């Protein structure tokens, strides 16, 4: 049964039927906007993760300087 399913999947992947479709600007522009938003989000997450240790060090340094002044 499993071999039959795999064979059917391979045959369906290999058979290509031409599809004539037009994706107008009504569908393309929101897709591009979503893609750009996704990429910007990923970049911001990576920057936040990388900046977190630096922020902690700056906070500790600030607390030490405030303790020395007191």
N, C-alpha and C. Protein backbone atom coordinates (compact mmCIF):
# COMPACT_ATOMS: atom_id res chain seq x y z
N UNK A 1 0.83 -1.19 0.00
CA UNK A 1 0.00 0.00 0.00
C UNK A 1 0.87 1.26 0.00
N UNK A 2 1.92 1.23 0.80
CA UNK A 2 2.80 2.39 0.88
C UNK A 2 3.52 2.61 -0.45
N UNK A 3 3.97 1.53 -1.08
CA UNK A 3 4.65 1.64 -2.37
C UNK A 3 3.71 2.20 -3.43
N UNK A 4 2.45 1.81 -3.36
CA UNK A 4 1.47 2.29 -4.32
C UNK A 4 1.25 3.80 -4.15
N UNK A 5 1.20 4.26 -2.91
CA UNK A 5 1.03 5.69 -2.66
C UNK A 5 2.25 6.48 -3.13
N UNK A 6 3.43 5.94 -2.89
CA UNK A 6 4.65 6.61 -3.33
C UNK A 6 4.70 6.68 -4.85
N UNK A 7 4.35 5.57 -5.51
CA UNK A 7 4.34 5.55 -6.98
C UNK A 7 3.33 6.55 -7.52
N UNK A 8 2.16 6.61 -6.92
CA UNK A 8 1.14 7.55 -7.37
C UNK A 8 1.62 9.00 -7.18
N UNK A 9 2.28 9.26 -6.07
CA UNK A 9 2.80 10.59 -5.81
C UNK A 9 3.85 10.97 -6.86
N UNK A 10 4.77 10.06 -7.17
CA UNK A 10 5.82 10.31 -8.15
C UNK A 10 5.21 10.56 -9.52
N UNK A 11 4.22 9.76 -9.90
CA UNK A 11 3.58 9.94 -11.21
C UNK A 11 2.87 11.29 -11.28
N UNK A 12 2.18 11.68 -10.22
CA UNK A 12 1.49 12.97 -10.22
C UNK A 12 2.47 14.14 -10.27
N UNK A 13 3.61 13.99 -9.65
CA UNK A 13 4.63 15.04 -9.69
C UNK A 13 5.22 15.15 -11.09
N UNK A 14 5.41 14.03 -11.75
CA UNK A 14 6.05 14.03 -13.07
C UNK A 14 5.12 14.51 -14.17
N UNK A 15 3.82 14.31 -14.01
CA UNK A 15 2.87 14.73 -15.04
C UNK A 15 2.58 16.21 -14.83
N UNK A 16 2.89 16.97 -15.84
CA UNK A 16 2.67 18.41 -15.74
C UNK A 16 1.60 18.83 -16.74
N UNK A 17 0.62 19.53 -16.23
CA UNK A 17 -0.45 20.02 -17.07
C UNK A 17 -0.26 21.53 -17.21
N UNK A 18 -0.27 22.03 -18.44
CA UNK A 18 -0.09 23.48 -18.59
C UNK A 18 -1.28 24.23 -18.00
N UNK A 19 -0.97 25.27 -17.27
CA UNK A 19 -2.00 26.09 -16.65
C UNK A 19 -1.80 27.51 -17.16
N UNK A 20 -2.86 28.07 -17.68
CA UNK A 20 -2.80 29.43 -18.20
C UNK A 20 -3.53 30.32 -17.20
N UNK A 21 -2.75 31.00 -16.41
CA UNK A 21 -3.34 31.85 -15.38
C UNK A 21 -2.60 33.18 -15.36
N UNK A 22 -3.33 34.19 -14.98
CA UNK A 22 -2.76 35.53 -14.89
C UNK A 22 -2.89 36.00 -13.45
N UNK A 23 -1.77 36.36 -12.88
CA UNK A 23 -1.79 36.93 -11.54
C UNK A 23 -1.60 38.43 -11.72
N UNK A 24 -2.66 39.15 -11.55
CA UNK A 24 -2.63 40.59 -11.77
C UNK A 24 -2.03 41.32 -10.57
N UNK A 25 -1.93 42.63 -10.69
CA UNK A 25 -1.34 43.41 -9.61
C UNK A 25 -2.17 43.35 -8.33
N UNK A 26 -3.44 43.02 -8.45
CA UNK A 26 -4.28 42.91 -7.26
C UNK A 26 -3.82 41.81 -6.33
N UNK A 27 -3.22 40.77 -6.86
CA UNK A 27 -2.72 39.67 -6.03
C UNK A 27 -1.22 39.77 -5.79
N UNK A 28 -0.51 40.36 -6.73
CA UNK A 28 0.95 40.40 -6.63
C UNK A 28 1.47 41.41 -5.63
N UNK A 29 0.87 42.57 -5.60
CA UNK A 29 1.36 43.63 -4.71
C UNK A 29 1.19 43.26 -3.24
N UNK A 30 0.04 42.73 -2.80
CA UNK A 30 -0.04 42.30 -1.40
C UNK A 30 0.94 41.18 -1.06
N UNK A 31 1.20 40.31 -2.01
CA UNK A 31 2.17 39.24 -1.76
C UNK A 31 3.56 39.83 -1.53
N UNK A 32 3.94 40.79 -2.36
CA UNK A 32 5.25 41.43 -2.20
C UNK A 32 5.32 42.17 -0.86
N UNK A 33 4.25 42.87 -0.51
CA UNK A 33 4.22 43.58 0.77
C UNK A 33 4.33 42.63 1.95
N UNK A 34 3.65 41.50 1.87
CA UNK A 34 3.73 40.51 2.95
C UNK A 34 5.13 39.92 3.04
N UNK A 35 5.73 39.67 1.91
CA UNK A 35 7.08 39.10 1.89
C UNK A 35 8.08 40.08 2.49
N UNK A 36 7.98 41.35 2.12
CA UNK A 36 8.89 42.37 2.67
C UNK A 36 8.67 42.49 4.18
N UNK A 37 7.40 42.49 4.62
CA UNK A 37 7.11 42.55 6.05
C UNK A 37 7.70 41.37 6.80
N UNK A 38 7.61 40.19 6.21
CA UNK A 38 8.17 38.99 6.84
C UNK A 38 9.69 39.10 6.97
N UNK A 39 10.36 39.55 5.92
CA UNK A 39 11.82 39.68 5.94
C UNK A 39 12.23 40.72 6.98
N UNK A 40 11.53 41.86 7.04
CA UNK A 40 11.85 42.90 8.02
C UNK A 40 11.67 42.36 9.44
N UNK A 41 10.61 41.59 9.65
CA UNK A 41 10.37 41.00 10.97
C UNK A 41 11.50 40.07 11.37
N UNK A 42 11.94 39.23 10.46
CA UNK A 42 13.05 38.30 10.75
C UNK A 42 14.32 39.09 11.10
N UNK A 43 14.60 40.15 10.34
CA UNK A 43 15.79 40.96 10.61
C UNK A 43 15.71 41.61 11.98
N UNK A 44 14.52 42.15 12.33
CA UNK A 44 14.36 42.78 13.64
C UNK A 44 14.51 41.78 14.78
N UNK A 45 14.01 40.58 14.60
CA UNK A 45 14.15 39.55 15.63
C UNK A 45 15.62 39.20 15.83
N UNK A 46 16.34 39.03 14.74
CA UNK A 46 17.77 38.69 14.84
C UNK A 46 18.53 39.83 15.52
N UNK A 47 18.23 41.08 15.14
CA UNK A 47 18.91 42.22 15.78
C UNK A 47 18.59 42.30 17.26
N UNK A 48 17.34 42.04 17.63
CA UNK A 48 16.96 42.09 19.05
C UNK A 48 17.69 41.01 19.84
N UNK A 49 17.81 39.83 19.27
CA UNK A 49 18.51 38.74 19.96
C UNK A 49 19.99 39.07 20.11
N UNK A 50 20.60 39.65 19.08
CA UNK A 50 22.02 39.98 19.15
C UNK A 50 22.28 41.18 20.07
N UNK A 51 21.34 42.11 20.17
CA UNK A 51 21.54 43.31 20.97
C UNK A 51 21.27 43.06 22.45
N UNK A 52 20.54 42.00 22.79
CA UNK A 52 20.16 41.74 24.18
C UNK A 52 21.35 41.68 25.14
N UNK A 53 22.42 40.93 24.85
CA UNK A 53 23.56 40.89 25.78
C UNK A 53 24.24 42.27 25.93
N UNK A 54 24.31 43.03 24.85
CA UNK A 54 24.93 44.35 24.91
C UNK A 54 24.09 45.25 25.81
N UNK A 55 22.80 45.16 25.70
CA UNK A 55 21.91 45.96 26.54
C UNK A 55 22.08 45.62 28.01
N UNK A 56 22.22 44.34 28.30
CA UNK A 56 22.42 43.92 29.69
C UNK A 56 23.74 44.46 30.24
N UNK A 57 24.79 44.41 29.42
CA UNK A 57 26.09 44.93 29.85
C UNK A 57 26.02 46.44 30.12
N UNK A 58 25.34 47.16 29.24
CA UNK A 58 25.20 48.60 29.44
C UNK A 58 24.41 48.91 30.70
N UNK A 59 23.38 48.11 30.98
CA UNK A 59 22.58 48.32 32.18
C UNK A 59 23.41 48.05 33.44
N UNK A 60 24.23 47.00 33.43
CA UNK A 60 25.10 46.71 34.58
C UNK A 60 26.13 47.81 34.78
N UNK A 61 26.69 48.30 33.68
CA UNK A 61 27.68 49.36 33.76
C UNK A 61 27.05 50.63 34.35
N UNK A 62 25.83 50.93 33.95
CA UNK A 62 25.12 52.11 34.45
C UNK A 62 24.84 51.97 35.95
N UNK A 63 24.42 50.76 36.37
CA UNK A 63 24.15 50.53 37.79
C UNK A 63 25.42 50.66 38.62
N UNK A 64 26.54 50.17 38.12
CA UNK A 64 27.82 50.26 38.84
C UNK A 64 28.23 51.71 38.99
N UNK A 65 28.05 52.49 37.92
CA UNK A 65 28.45 53.90 38.00
C UNK A 65 27.53 54.67 38.97
N UNK A 66 26.25 54.31 39.04
CA UNK A 66 25.35 54.95 39.98
C UNK A 66 25.69 54.55 41.42
N UNK A 67 26.11 53.31 41.64
CA UNK A 67 26.49 52.86 42.98
C UNK A 67 27.77 53.54 43.45
N UNK A 68 28.70 53.79 42.55
CA UNK A 68 29.96 54.46 42.93
C UNK A 68 29.71 55.91 43.29
N UNK A 69 28.75 56.56 42.62
CA UNK A 69 28.45 57.96 42.90
C UNK A 69 27.73 58.13 44.23
N UNK A 70 26.98 57.11 44.65
CA UNK A 70 26.19 57.21 45.90
C UNK A 70 27.04 57.10 47.13
